[in-house]
PDB file of N, CA and C in Angstrom:
ATOM      1  N   ILE A   1      97.013  23.481  80.324  1.00  0.00           N
ATOM      2  CA  ILE A   1      97.375  23.096  79.200  1.00  0.00           C
ATOM      3  C   ILE A   1      97.155  23.535  77.588  1.00  0.00           C
ATOM      4  N   ASN A   2      96.042  24.661  78.236  1.00  0.00           N
ATOM      5  CA  ASN A   2      95.713  25.520  76.444  1.00  0.00           C
ATOM      6  C   ASN A   2      97.160  26.358  77.037  1.00  0.00           C
ATOM      7  N   LYS A   3      97.505  26.865  78.329  1.00  0.00           N
ATOM      8  CA  LYS A   3      97.994  28.194  78.038  1.00  0.00           C
ATOM      9  C   LYS A   3      99.553  27.562  77.765  1.00  0.00           C
ATOM     10  N   THR A   4     100.234  26.406  78.215  1.00  0.00           N
ATOM     11  CA  THR A   4     101.295  25.462  77.487  1.00  0.00           C
ATOM     12  C   THR A   4     101.284  26.025  75.553  1.00  0.00           C
ATOM     13  N   ILE A   5      99.796  25.136  75.317  1.00  0.00           N
ATOM     14  CA  ILE A   5     100.037  25.223  73.790  1.00  0.00           C
ATOM     15  C   ILE A   5     100.063  26.228  73.087  1.00  0.00           C
ATOM     16  N   GLU A   6      99.334  27.896  73.973  1.00  0.00           N
ATOM     17  CA  GLU A   6     100.002  28.737  73.432  1.00  0.00           C
ATOM     18  C   GLU A   6     101.051  29.413  73.538  1.00  0.00           C
ATOM     19  N   ARG A   7     101.544  29.102  74.179  1.00  0.00           N
ATOM     20  CA  ARG A   7     102.930  29.576  74.704  1.00  0.00           C
ATOM     21  C   ARG A   7     103.535  29.090  73.416  1.00  0.00           C
ATOM     22  N   TYR A   8     103.607  27.584  73.343  1.00  0.00           N
ATOM     23  CA  TYR A   8     104.452  26.817  71.633  1.00  0.00           C
ATOM     24  C   TYR A   8     103.756  27.757  71.160  1.00  0.00           C
ATOM     25  N   GLN A   9     102.899  27.192  70.695  1.00  0.00           N
ATOM     26  CA  GLN A   9     102.349  28.401  68.570  1.00  0.00           C
ATOM     27  C   GLN A   9     102.665  29.442  68.963  1.00  0.00           C
ATOM     28  N   LYS A  10     103.031  30.740  70.127  1.00  0.00           N
ATOM     29  CA  LYS A  10     103.660  31.800  70.241  1.00  0.00           C
ATOM     30  C   LYS A  10     105.486  31.994  69.339  1.00  0.00           C
ATOM     31  N   LYS A  11     105.482  30.973  70.551  1.00  0.00           N
ATOM     32  CA  LYS A  11     107.254  30.806  70.184  1.00  0.00           C
ATOM     33  C   LYS A  11     107.597  30.404  68.932  1.00  0.00           C
ATOM     34  N   THR A  12     106.667  29.146  68.705  1.00  0.00           N
ATOM     35  CA  THR A  12     106.898  28.583  67.404  1.00  0.00           C
ATOM     36  C   THR A  12     106.640  29.764  65.982  1.00  0.00           C
ATOM     37  N   LYS A  13     105.618  30.672  66.160  1.00  0.00           N
ATOM     38  CA  LYS A  13     105.501  32.005  65.322  1.00  0.00           C
ATOM     39  C   LYS A  13     106.608  32.678  65.783  1.00  0.00           C
ATOM     40  N   ASP A  14     107.001  33.677  66.869  1.00  0.00           N
ATOM     41  CA  ASP A  14     108.458  33.802  66.689  1.00  0.00           C
ATOM     42  C   ASP A  14     109.461  33.355  65.821  1.00  0.00           C
ATOM     43  N   ILE A  15     109.445  32.246  66.153  1.00  0.00           N
ATOM     44  CA  ILE A  15     110.586  31.358  65.368  1.00  0.00           C
ATOM     45  C   ILE A  15     110.421  31.713  64.183  1.00  0.00           C
ATOM     46  N   GLY A  16     109.300  31.705  63.591  1.00  0.00           N
ATOM     47  CA  GLY A  16     109.239  31.517  62.529  1.00  0.00           C
ATOM     48  C   GLY A  16     109.584  33.146  61.468  1.00  0.00           C
ATOM     49  N   ILE A  17     108.878  34.342  62.160  1.00  0.00           N
ATOM     50  CA  ILE A  17     109.657  35.574  62.326  1.00  0.00           C
ATOM     51  C   ILE A  17     110.346  35.791  62.133  1.00  0.00           C
ATOM     52  N   ASN A  18     111.147  35.451  62.645  1.00  0.00           N
ATOM     53  CA  ASN A  18     112.915  36.053  62.911  1.00  0.00           C
ATOM     54  C   ASN A  18     113.850  35.066  61.959  1.00  0.00           C
ATOM     55  N   SER A  19     113.193  33.721  61.052  1.00  0.00           N
ATOM     56  CA  SER A  19     113.952  33.191  60.563  1.00  0.00           C
ATOM     57  C   SER A  19     113.479  33.823  58.942  1.00  0.00           C
ATOM     58  N   LYS A  20     112.273  34.415  58.796  1.00  0.00           N
ATOM     59  CA  LYS A  20     111.862  34.894  57.898  1.00  0.00           C
ATOM     60  C   LYS A  20     113.413  36.659  57.714  1.00  0.00           C
ATOM     61  N   ILE A  21     113.101  36.958  58.557  1.00  0.00           N
ATOM     62  CA  ILE A  21     113.746  38.489  58.704  1.00  0.00           C
ATOM     63  C   ILE A  21     115.231  38.176  58.192  1.00  0.00           C
ATOM     64  N   VAL A  22     115.494  36.529  58.993  1.00  0.00           N
ATOM     65  CA  VAL A  22     117.256  36.276  58.760  1.00  0.00           C
ATOM     66  C   VAL A  22     117.631  36.149  57.453  1.00  0.00           C
ATOM     67  N   GLU A  23     116.331  35.298  56.713  1.00  0.00           N
ATOM     68  CA  GLU A  23     116.002  35.342  55.243  1.00  0.00           C
ATOM     69  C   GLU A  23     116.074  36.130  54.480  1.00  0.00           C
ATOM     70  N   ASP A  24     115.263  37.509  54.972  1.00  0.00           N
ATOM     71  CA  ASP A  24     115.632  38.714  54.255  1.00  0.00           C
ATOM     72  C   ASP A  24     117.048  39.592  54.143  1.00  0.00           C
ATOM     73  N   HIS A  25     117.447  39.177  55.440  1.00  0.00           N
ATOM     74  CA  HIS A  25     118.496  39.963  55.087  1.00  0.00           C
ATOM     75  C   HIS A  25     119.964  39.206  54.526  1.00  0.00           C
ATOM     76  N   SER A  26     120.185  38.163  54.518  1.00  0.00           N
ATOM     77  CA  SER A  26     120.639  37.001  53.714  1.00  0.00           C
ATOM     78  C   SER A  26     120.516  37.558  52.161  1.00  0.00           C
ATOM     79  N   GLN A  27     118.917  37.268  52.040  1.00  0.00           N
ATOM     80  CA  GLN A  27     118.698  37.876  50.631  1.00  0.00           C
ATOM     81  C   GLN A  27     119.215  39.099  50.255  1.00  0.00           C
ATOM     82  N   HIS A  28     119.122  40.147  51.012  1.00  0.00           N
ATOM     83  CA  HIS A  28     119.592  41.299  50.526  1.00  0.00           C
ATOM     84  C   HIS A  28     121.449  41.514  50.738  1.00  0.00           C
ATOM     85  N   ALA A  29     121.988  41.254  51.239  1.00  0.00           N
ATOM     86  CA  ALA A  29     123.679  40.432  51.702  1.00  0.00           C
ATOM     87  C   ALA A  29     123.742  40.390  50.197  1.00  0.00           C
ATOM     88  N   LYS A  30     122.745  39.337  50.163  1.00  0.00           N
ATOM     89  CA  LYS A  30     123.508  38.457  48.354  1.00  0.00           C
ATOM     90  C   LYS A  30     123.641  39.165  47.419  1.00  0.00           C
ATOM     91  N   GLU A  31     122.302  39.955  47.459  1.00  0.00           N
ATOM     92  CA  GLU A  31     121.995  41.055  46.048  1.00  0.00           C
ATOM     93  C   GLU A  31     123.474  42.414  46.044  1.00  0.00           C
ATOM     94  N   GLU A  32     123.480  42.181  47.384  1.00  0.00           N
ATOM     95  CA  GLU A  32     124.410  43.897  48.175  1.00  0.00           C
ATOM     96  C   GLU A  32     125.609  43.223  47.378  1.00  0.00           C
ATOM     97  N   THR A  33     126.128  41.559  47.578  1.00  0.00           N
ATOM     98  CA  THR A  33     127.124  41.004  47.332  1.00  0.00           C
ATOM     99  C   THR A  33     127.460  41.452  45.352  1.00  0.00           C
ATOM    100  N   SER A  34     126.714  41.176  45.283  1.00  0.00           N
ATOM    101  CA  SER A  34     126.614  40.539  43.618  1.00  0.00           C
ATOM    102  C   SER A  34     126.654  41.960  43.111  1.00  0.00           C
ATOM    103  N   ASN A  35     126.065  42.674  43.338  1.00  0.00           N
ATOM    104  CA  ASN A  35     126.254  44.428  43.118  1.00  0.00           C
ATOM    105  C   ASN A  35     127.411  45.004  42.925  1.00  0.00           C
ATOM    106  N   MET A  36     127.962  44.980  44.472  1.00  0.00           N
ATOM    107  CA  MET A  36     129.610  45.166  44.867  1.00  0.00           C
ATOM    108  C   MET A  36     130.364  44.478  43.628  1.00  0.00           C
ATOM    109  N   MET A  37     129.963  43.060  43.163  1.00  0.00           N
ATOM    110  CA  MET A  37     131.300  42.697  42.588  1.00  0.00           C
ATOM    111  C   MET A  37     131.236  43.069  41.279  1.00  0.00           C
ATOM    112  N   THR A  38     129.959  43.602  40.728  1.00  0.00           N
ATOM    113  CA  THR A  38     130.241  43.913  39.170  1.00  0.00           C
ATOM    114  C   THR A  38     131.112  45.144  38.730  1.00  0.00           C
ATOM    115  N   LYS A  39     130.493  46.488  40.039  1.00  0.00           N
ATOM    116  CA  LYS A  39     131.661  47.036  40.051  1.00  0.00           C
ATOM    117  C   LYS A  39     132.454  47.356  40.600  1.00  0.00           C
ATOM    118  N   LEU A  40     133.035  46.230  41.040  1.00  0.00           N
ATOM    119  CA  LEU A  40     134.628  45.619  41.133  1.00  0.00           C
ATOM    120  C   LEU A  40     134.917  45.522  39.973  1.00  0.00           C
ATOM    121  N   GLU A  41     134.622  44.532  39.332  1.00  0.00           N
ATOM    122  CA  GLU A  41     134.869  44.498  37.578  1.00  0.00           C
ATOM    123  C   GLU A  41     135.087  44.662  36.805  1.00  0.00           C
ATOM    124  N   PHE A  42     133.564  46.180  36.522  1.00  0.00           N
ATOM    125  CA  PHE A  42     133.854  46.770  36.378  1.00  0.00           C
ATOM    126  C   PHE A  42     135.494  48.444  36.197  1.00  0.00           C
ATOM    127  N   LEU A  43     135.331  47.726  37.776  1.00  0.00           N
ATOM    128  CA  LEU A  43     136.065  48.925  37.656  1.00  0.00           C
ATOM    129  C   LEU A  43     138.170  48.069  37.916  1.00  0.00           C
ATOM    130  N   GLU A  44     137.872  47.474  37.630  1.00  0.00           N
ATOM    131  CA  GLU A  44     139.159  46.565  37.376  1.00  0.00           C
ATOM    132  C   GLU A  44     139.758  46.424  35.961  1.00  0.00           C
ATOM    133  N   VAL A  45     138.369  46.276  35.455  1.00  0.00           N
ATOM    134  CA  VAL A  45     138.162  46.843  33.456  1.00  0.00           C
ATOM    135  C   VAL A  45     138.795  48.131  33.809  1.00  0.00           C
ATOM    136  N   ALA A  46     138.306  49.116  33.936  1.00  0.00           N
ATOM    137  CA  ALA A  46     138.596  51.053  33.851  1.00  0.00           C
ATOM    138  C   ALA A  46     140.267  51.410  34.553  1.00  0.00           C
ATOM    139  N   LYS A  47     140.609  50.233  35.443  1.00  0.00           N
ATOM    140  CA  LYS A  47     141.883  50.697  36.125  1.00  0.00           C
ATOM    141  C   LYS A  47     143.237  50.244  34.899  1.00  0.00           C
ATOM    142  N   ARG A  48     142.636  49.022  34.454  1.00  0.00           N
ATOM    143  CA  ARG A  48     143.407  48.718  33.195  1.00  0.00           C
ATOM    144  C   ARG A  48     143.265  48.831  31.996  1.00  0.00           C
ATOM    145  N   LYS A  49     142.288  49.947  31.782  1.00  0.00           N
ATOM    146  CA  LYS A  49     142.672  50.717  30.413  1.00  0.00           C
ATOM    147  C   LYS A  49     143.214  51.693  30.334  1.00  0.00           C
ATOM    148  N   LEU A  50     142.888  53.007  31.914  1.00  0.00           N
ATOM    149  CA  LEU A  50     144.123  53.656  32.739  1.00  0.00           C
ATOM    150  C   LEU A  50     145.300  53.134  32.127  1.00  0.00           C
ATOM    151  N   LEU A  51     145.937  51.956  32.517  1.00  0.00           N
ATOM    152  CA  LEU A  51     147.151  51.757  32.625  1.00  0.00           C
ATOM    153  C   LEU A  51     147.452  50.963  31.344  1.00  0.00           C
ATOM    154  N   GLY A  52     146.790  50.635  30.302  1.00  0.00           N
ATOM    155  CA  GLY A  52     146.826  50.548  28.607  1.00  0.00           C
ATOM    156  C   GLY A  52     146.605  49.404  28.426  1.00  0.00           C
ATOM    157  N   ASP A  53     146.428  48.050  29.075  1.00  0.00           N
ATOM    158  CA  ASP A  53     145.819  47.167  29.632  1.00  0.00           C
ATOM    159  C   ASP A  53     144.795  46.771  28.437  1.00  0.00           C
ATOM    160  N   GLY A  54     144.364  45.688  27.624  1.00  0.00           N
ATOM    161  CA  GLY A  54     143.239  45.067  27.511  1.00  0.00           C
ATOM    162  C   GLY A  54     142.162  46.388  26.040  1.00  0.00           C
ATOM    163  N   LEU A  55     142.863  47.290  25.726  1.00  0.00           N
ATOM    164  CA  LEU A  55     142.334  48.468  24.955  1.00  0.00           C
ATOM    165  C   LEU A  55     141.776  47.739  23.553  1.00  0.00           C
ATOM    166  N   GLU A  56     142.087  46.477  22.923  1.00  0.00           N
ATOM    167  CA  GLU A  56     142.472  45.569  21.781  1.00  0.00           C
ATOM    168  C   GLU A  56     140.647  46.062  21.289  1.00  0.00           C
ATOM    169  N   PRO A  57     139.496  45.513  22.525  1.00  0.00           N
ATOM    170  CA  PRO A  57     138.998  45.736  21.788  1.00  0.00           C
ATOM    171  C   PRO A  57     137.720  47.147  22.320  1.00  0.00           C
ATOM    172  N   CYS A  58     137.944  47.617  22.409  1.00  0.00           N
ATOM    173  CA  CYS A  58     137.805  49.159  22.416  1.00  0.00           C
ATOM    174  C   CYS A  58     137.197  49.870  21.330  1.00  0.00           C
ATOM    175  N   THR A  59     136.246  50.202  21.217  1.00  0.00           N
ATOM    176  CA  THR A  59     135.968  51.255  20.082  1.00  0.00           C
ATOM    177  C   THR A  59     136.747  52.711  19.988  1.00  0.00           C
ATOM    178  N   ILE A  60     136.440  53.754  18.723  1.00  0.00           N
ATOM    179  CA  ILE A  60     137.487  55.172  18.857  1.00  0.00           C
ATOM    180  C   ILE A  60     136.900  55.769  19.905  1.00  0.00           C
ATOM    181  N   ASP A  61     135.529  55.361  20.006  1.00  0.00           N
ATOM    182  CA  ASP A  61     135.094  56.470  20.963  1.00  0.00           C
ATOM    183  C   ASP A  61     135.636  56.564  22.055  1.00  0.00           C
ATOM    184  N   GLU A  62     135.668  54.710  22.861  1.00  0.00           N
ATOM    185  CA  GLU A  62     135.806  54.660  24.260  1.00  0.00           C
ATOM    186  C   GLU A  62     137.762  55.324  23.956  1.00  0.00           C
ATOM    187  N   LEU A  63     138.290  54.510  23.460  1.00  0.00           N
ATOM    188  CA  LEU A  63     140.024  55.468  23.299  1.00  0.00           C
ATOM    189  C   LEU A  63     140.029  56.897  23.562  1.00  0.00           C
ATOM    190  N   GLN A  64     138.813  57.169  22.844  1.00  0.00           N
ATOM    191  CA  GLN A  64     138.789  59.018  22.998  1.00  0.00           C
ATOM    192  C   GLN A  64     138.578  59.021  24.636  1.00  0.00           C
ATOM    193  N   GLN A  65     136.984  58.681  24.553  1.00  0.00           N
ATOM    194  CA  GLN A  65     137.341  59.169  25.698  1.00  0.00           C
ATOM    195  C   GLN A  65     138.285  58.689  27.428  1.00  0.00           C
ATOM    196  N   LEU A  66     139.134  57.596  26.317  1.00  0.00           N
ATOM    197  CA  LEU A  66     140.025  57.724  27.791  1.00  0.00           C
ATOM    198  C   LEU A  66     141.034  58.633  27.204  1.00  0.00           C
ATOM    199  N   GLU A  67     141.351  58.510  25.950  1.00  0.00           N
ATOM    200  CA  GLU A  67     142.511  59.486  26.061  1.00  0.00           C
ATOM    201  C   GLU A  67     142.242  61.070  26.759  1.00  0.00           C
ATOM    202  N   ASN A  68     140.721  61.671  27.312  1.00  0.00           N
ATOM    203  CA  ASN A  68     140.485  63.197  27.263  1.00  0.00           C
ATOM    204  C   ASN A  68     140.711  62.421  28.836  1.00  0.00           C
ATOM    205  N   GLN A  69     140.151  61.738  29.285  1.00  0.00           N
ATOM    206  CA  GLN A  69     140.220  61.188  30.909  1.00  0.00           C
ATOM    207  C   GLN A  69     141.955  61.445  30.890  1.00  0.00           C
ATOM    208  N   LEU A  70     142.396  61.006  30.935  1.00  0.00           N
ATOM    209  CA  LEU A  70     143.659  61.051  30.331  1.00  0.00           C
ATOM    210  C   LEU A  70     144.597  62.440  30.775  1.00  0.00           C
ATOM    211  N   GLU A  71     144.155  63.382  29.927  1.00  0.00           N
ATOM    212  CA  GLU A  71     144.152  64.574  30.015  1.00  0.00           C
ATOM    213  C   GLU A  71     144.164  65.252  31.253  1.00  0.00           C
ATOM    214  N   ARG A  72     142.537  65.329  31.254  1.00  0.00           N
ATOM    215  CA  ARG A  72     142.019  65.727  32.550  1.00  0.00           C
ATOM    216  C   ARG A  72     143.001  66.100  33.875  1.00  0.00           C
ATOM    217  N   SER A  73     143.265  64.117  34.071  1.00  0.00           N
ATOM    218  CA  SER A  73     144.015  63.951  35.681  1.00  0.00           C
ATOM    219  C   SER A  73     145.473  64.458  34.772  1.00  0.00           C
ATOM    220  N   LEU A  74     146.518  64.541  34.237  1.00  0.00           N
ATOM    221  CA  LEU A  74     147.250  65.307  33.535  1.00  0.00           C
ATOM    222  C   LEU A  74     147.195  66.769  34.101  1.00  0.00           C
ATOM    223  N   SER A  75     146.271  67.252  33.639  1.00  0.00           N
ATOM    224  CA  SER A  75     145.957  68.684  33.840  1.00  0.00           C
ATOM    225  C   SER A  75     146.168  68.909  35.234  1.00  0.00           C
ATOM    226  N   ARG A  76     145.139  68.256  36.088  1.00  0.00           N
ATOM    227  CA  ARG A  76     145.223  68.340  37.224  1.00  0.00           C
ATOM    228  C   ARG A  76     146.343  67.922  38.172  1.00  0.00           C
ATOM    229  N   ILE A  77     146.912  66.774  37.774  1.00  0.00           N
ATOM    230  CA  ILE A  77     148.064  66.221  38.693  1.00  0.00           C
ATOM    231  C   ILE A  77     149.299  67.836  38.542  1.00  0.00           C
ATOM    232  N   ARG A  78     149.305  68.325  37.444  1.00  0.00           N
ATOM    233  CA  ARG A  78     150.038  69.381  36.836  1.00  0.00           C
ATOM    234  C   ARG A  78     149.898  70.921  37.839  1.00  0.00           C
ATOM    235  N   ALA A  79     148.717  70.841  37.666  1.00  0.00           N
ATOM    236  CA  ALA A  79     147.926  72.041  38.583  1.00  0.00           C
ATOM    237  C   ALA A  79     148.460  71.923  39.623  1.00  0.00           C
ATOM    238  N   ARG A  80     148.224  70.995  40.676  1.00  0.00           N
ATOM    239  CA  ARG A  80     148.603  70.650  42.065  1.00  0.00           C
ATOM    240  C   ARG A  80     150.411  70.784  42.233  1.00  0.00           C
ATOM    241  N   LYS A  81     151.324  70.290  41.464  1.00  0.00           N
ATOM    242  CA  LYS A  81     152.032  70.276  41.856  1.00  0.00           C
ATOM    243  C   LYS A  81     152.535  72.094  41.789  1.00  0.00           C
ATOM    244  N   PHE A  82     151.928  72.444  40.495  1.00  0.00           N
ATOM    245  CA  PHE A  82     152.556  73.849  40.041  1.00  0.00           C
ATOM    246  C   PHE A  82     151.436  74.726  41.808  1.00  0.00           C
ATOM    247  N   ARG A  83     151.328  74.254  42.049  1.00  0.00           N
ATOM    248  CA  ARG A  83     150.288  74.875  43.423  1.00  0.00           C
ATOM    249  C   ARG A  83     151.350  74.611  44.661  1.00  0.00           C
ATOM    250  N   ASN A  84     151.663  73.339  44.657  1.00  0.00           N
ATOM    251  CA  ASN A  84     152.795  73.144  45.515  1.00  0.00           C
ATOM    252  C   ASN A  84     153.858  73.504  45.338  1.00  0.00           C
ATOM    253  N   LEU A  85     154.769  73.591  44.349  1.00  0.00           N
ATOM    254  CA  LEU A  85     156.016  73.990  44.059  1.00  0.00           C
ATOM    255  C   LEU A  85     156.002  75.561  44.177  1.00  0.00           C
ATOM    256  N   VAL A  86     154.695  76.439  44.424  1.00  0.00           N
ATOM    257  CA  VAL A  86     154.767  77.856  44.225  1.00  0.00           C
ATOM    258  C   VAL A  86     154.586  78.277  46.402  1.00  0.00           C
ATOM    259  N   PHE A  87     153.565  77.183  46.769  1.00  0.00           N
ATOM    260  CA  PHE A  87     153.828  77.321  47.949  1.00  0.00           C
ATOM    261  C   PHE A  87     155.540  77.216  48.677  1.00  0.00           C
ATOM    262  N   SER A  88     156.723  76.340  48.081  1.00  0.00           N
ATOM    263  CA  SER A  88     157.408  75.860  48.775  1.00  0.00           C
ATOM    264  C   SER A  88     158.263  77.185  48.897  1.00  0.00           C
ATOM    265  N   GLN A  89     157.922  77.661  47.589  1.00  0.00           N
ATOM    266  CA  GLN A  89     158.783  78.995  47.249  1.00  0.00           C
ATOM    267  C   GLN A  89     158.290  80.203  48.091  1.00  0.00           C
ATOM    268  N   ASN A  90     157.524  80.367  48.195  1.00  0.00           N
ATOM    269  CA  ASN A  90     156.646  81.340  48.844  1.00  0.00           C
ATOM    270  C   ASN A  90     157.708  81.095  50.358  1.00  0.00           C
ATOM    271  N   GLN A  91     157.400  79.862  50.991  1.00  0.00           N
ATOM    272  CA  GLN A  91     157.384  79.533  52.344  1.00  0.00           C
ATOM    273  C   GLN A  91     158.960  79.720  52.609  1.00  0.00           C
ATOM    274  N   LEU A  92     159.663  79.262  50.907  1.00  0.00           N
ATOM    275  CA  LEU A  92     161.291  79.489  51.481  1.00  0.00           C
ATOM    276  C   LEU A  92     161.757  81.265  51.280  1.00  0.00           C
ATOM    277  N   PHE A  93     160.879  81.865  50.542  1.00  0.00           N
ATOM    278  CA  PHE A  93     160.919  83.440  50.456  1.00  0.00           C
ATOM    279  C   PHE A  93     160.706  83.635  52.304  1.00  0.00           C
ATOM    280  N   ARG A  94     159.452  83.533  52.663  1.00  0.00           N
ATOM    281  CA  ARG A  94     159.372  84.254  54.322  1.00  0.00           C
ATOM    282  C   ARG A  94     160.612  83.810  55.122  1.00  0.00           C
ATOM    283  N   GLU A  95     160.881  82.626  55.000  1.00  0.00           N
ATOM    284  CA  GLU A  95     162.095  82.088  55.732  1.00  0.00           C
ATOM    285  C   GLU A  95     163.148  82.935  55.549  1.00  0.00           C
ATOM    286  N   GLN A  96     163.501  83.289  54.082  1.00  0.00           N
ATOM    287  CA  GLN A  96     164.410  84.459  53.856  1.00  0.00           C
ATOM    288  C   GLN A  96     164.564  85.899  54.778  1.00  0.00           C
ATOM    289  N   ILE A  97     163.166  86.042  54.043  1.00  0.00           N
ATOM    290  CA  ILE A  97     162.578  87.442  55.216  1.00  0.00           C
ATOM    291  C   ILE A  97     163.092  87.825  55.735  1.00  0.00           C
ATOM    292  N   GLU A  98     162.617  86.793  56.972  1.00  0.00           N
ATOM    293  CA  GLU A  98     163.177  86.491  58.075  1.00  0.00           C
ATOM    294  C   GLU A  98     163.848  86.605  58.869  1.00  0.00           C
ATOM    295  N   LYS A  99     165.046  85.937  57.827  1.00  0.00           N
ATOM    296  CA  LYS A  99     166.718  85.885  58.577  1.00  0.00           C
ATOM    297  C   LYS A  99     167.249  86.769  58.161  1.00  0.00           C
ATOM    298  N   LEU A 100     166.855  87.857  57.494  1.00  0.00           N
ATOM    299  CA  LEU A 100     167.723  89.363  56.578  1.00  0.00           C
ATOM    300  C   LEU A 100     166.708  90.183  58.095  1.00  0.00           C
ATOM    301  N   LYS A 101     165.310  90.216  58.490  1.00  0.00           N
ATOM    302  CA  LYS A 101     164.973  90.749  59.358  1.00  0.00           C
ATOM    303  C   LYS A 101     165.873  90.672  60.575  1.00  0.00           C
ATOM    304  N   GLU A 102     166.279  89.164  61.251  1.00  0.00           N
ATOM    305  CA  GLU A 102     167.127  88.867  61.937  1.00  0.00           C
ATOM    306  C   GLU A 102     168.242  89.722  62.106  1.00  0.00           C
ATOM    307  N   LYS A 103     168.971  89.587  61.151  1.00  0.00           N
ATOM    308  CA  LYS A 103     170.334  90.324  60.545  1.00  0.00           C
ATOM    309  C   LYS A 103     170.418  91.768  60.879  1.00  0.00           C
ATOM    310  N   VAL A 104     169.235  92.221  60.069  1.00  0.00           N
ATOM    311  CA  VAL A 104     169.349  93.592  60.295  1.00  0.00           C
ATOM    312  C   VAL A 104     169.121  94.607  61.860  1.00  0.00           C
ATOM    313  N   ILE A 105     168.169  93.832  62.479  1.00  0.00           N
ATOM    314  CA  ILE A 105     168.184  94.003  63.978  1.00  0.00           C
ATOM    315  C   ILE A 105     169.416  94.004  64.857  1.00  0.00           C
ATOM    316  N   THR A 106     169.862  93.051  64.626  1.00  0.00           N
ATOM    317  CA  THR A 106     171.089  92.776  64.731  1.00  0.00           C
ATOM    318  C   THR A 106     172.009  93.326  64.832  1.00  0.00           C
ATOM    319  N   PHE A 107     172.225  94.159  63.795  1.00  0.00           N
ATOM    320  CA  PHE A 107     173.343  95.149  63.543  1.00  0.00           C
ATOM    321  C   PHE A 107     172.714  96.365  64.067  1.00  0.00           C
TER     322      PHE A 107
END
């Protein structure tokens, strides 16, 4: 009977430990979800501001920062567009040179 009681106590102790672990994981997941929701709300506000919505409560400094951010983004976009254009032109020139080389070889 003592062995049965010991097994019972061990099982109930294990169940208690497991429930504590589950509770800890659950609490951590709730905190992480809360943090992610806060970040999501912040990102949504930032997105609206970038799109020009909800700018009324912004201070002059916030508007200046937003303008600077938009100007930097626009500069990066223009630079990428220019690189792509140059790459396309170089590729076109190479193809034309290859065609001319083929014509010279065939004559």
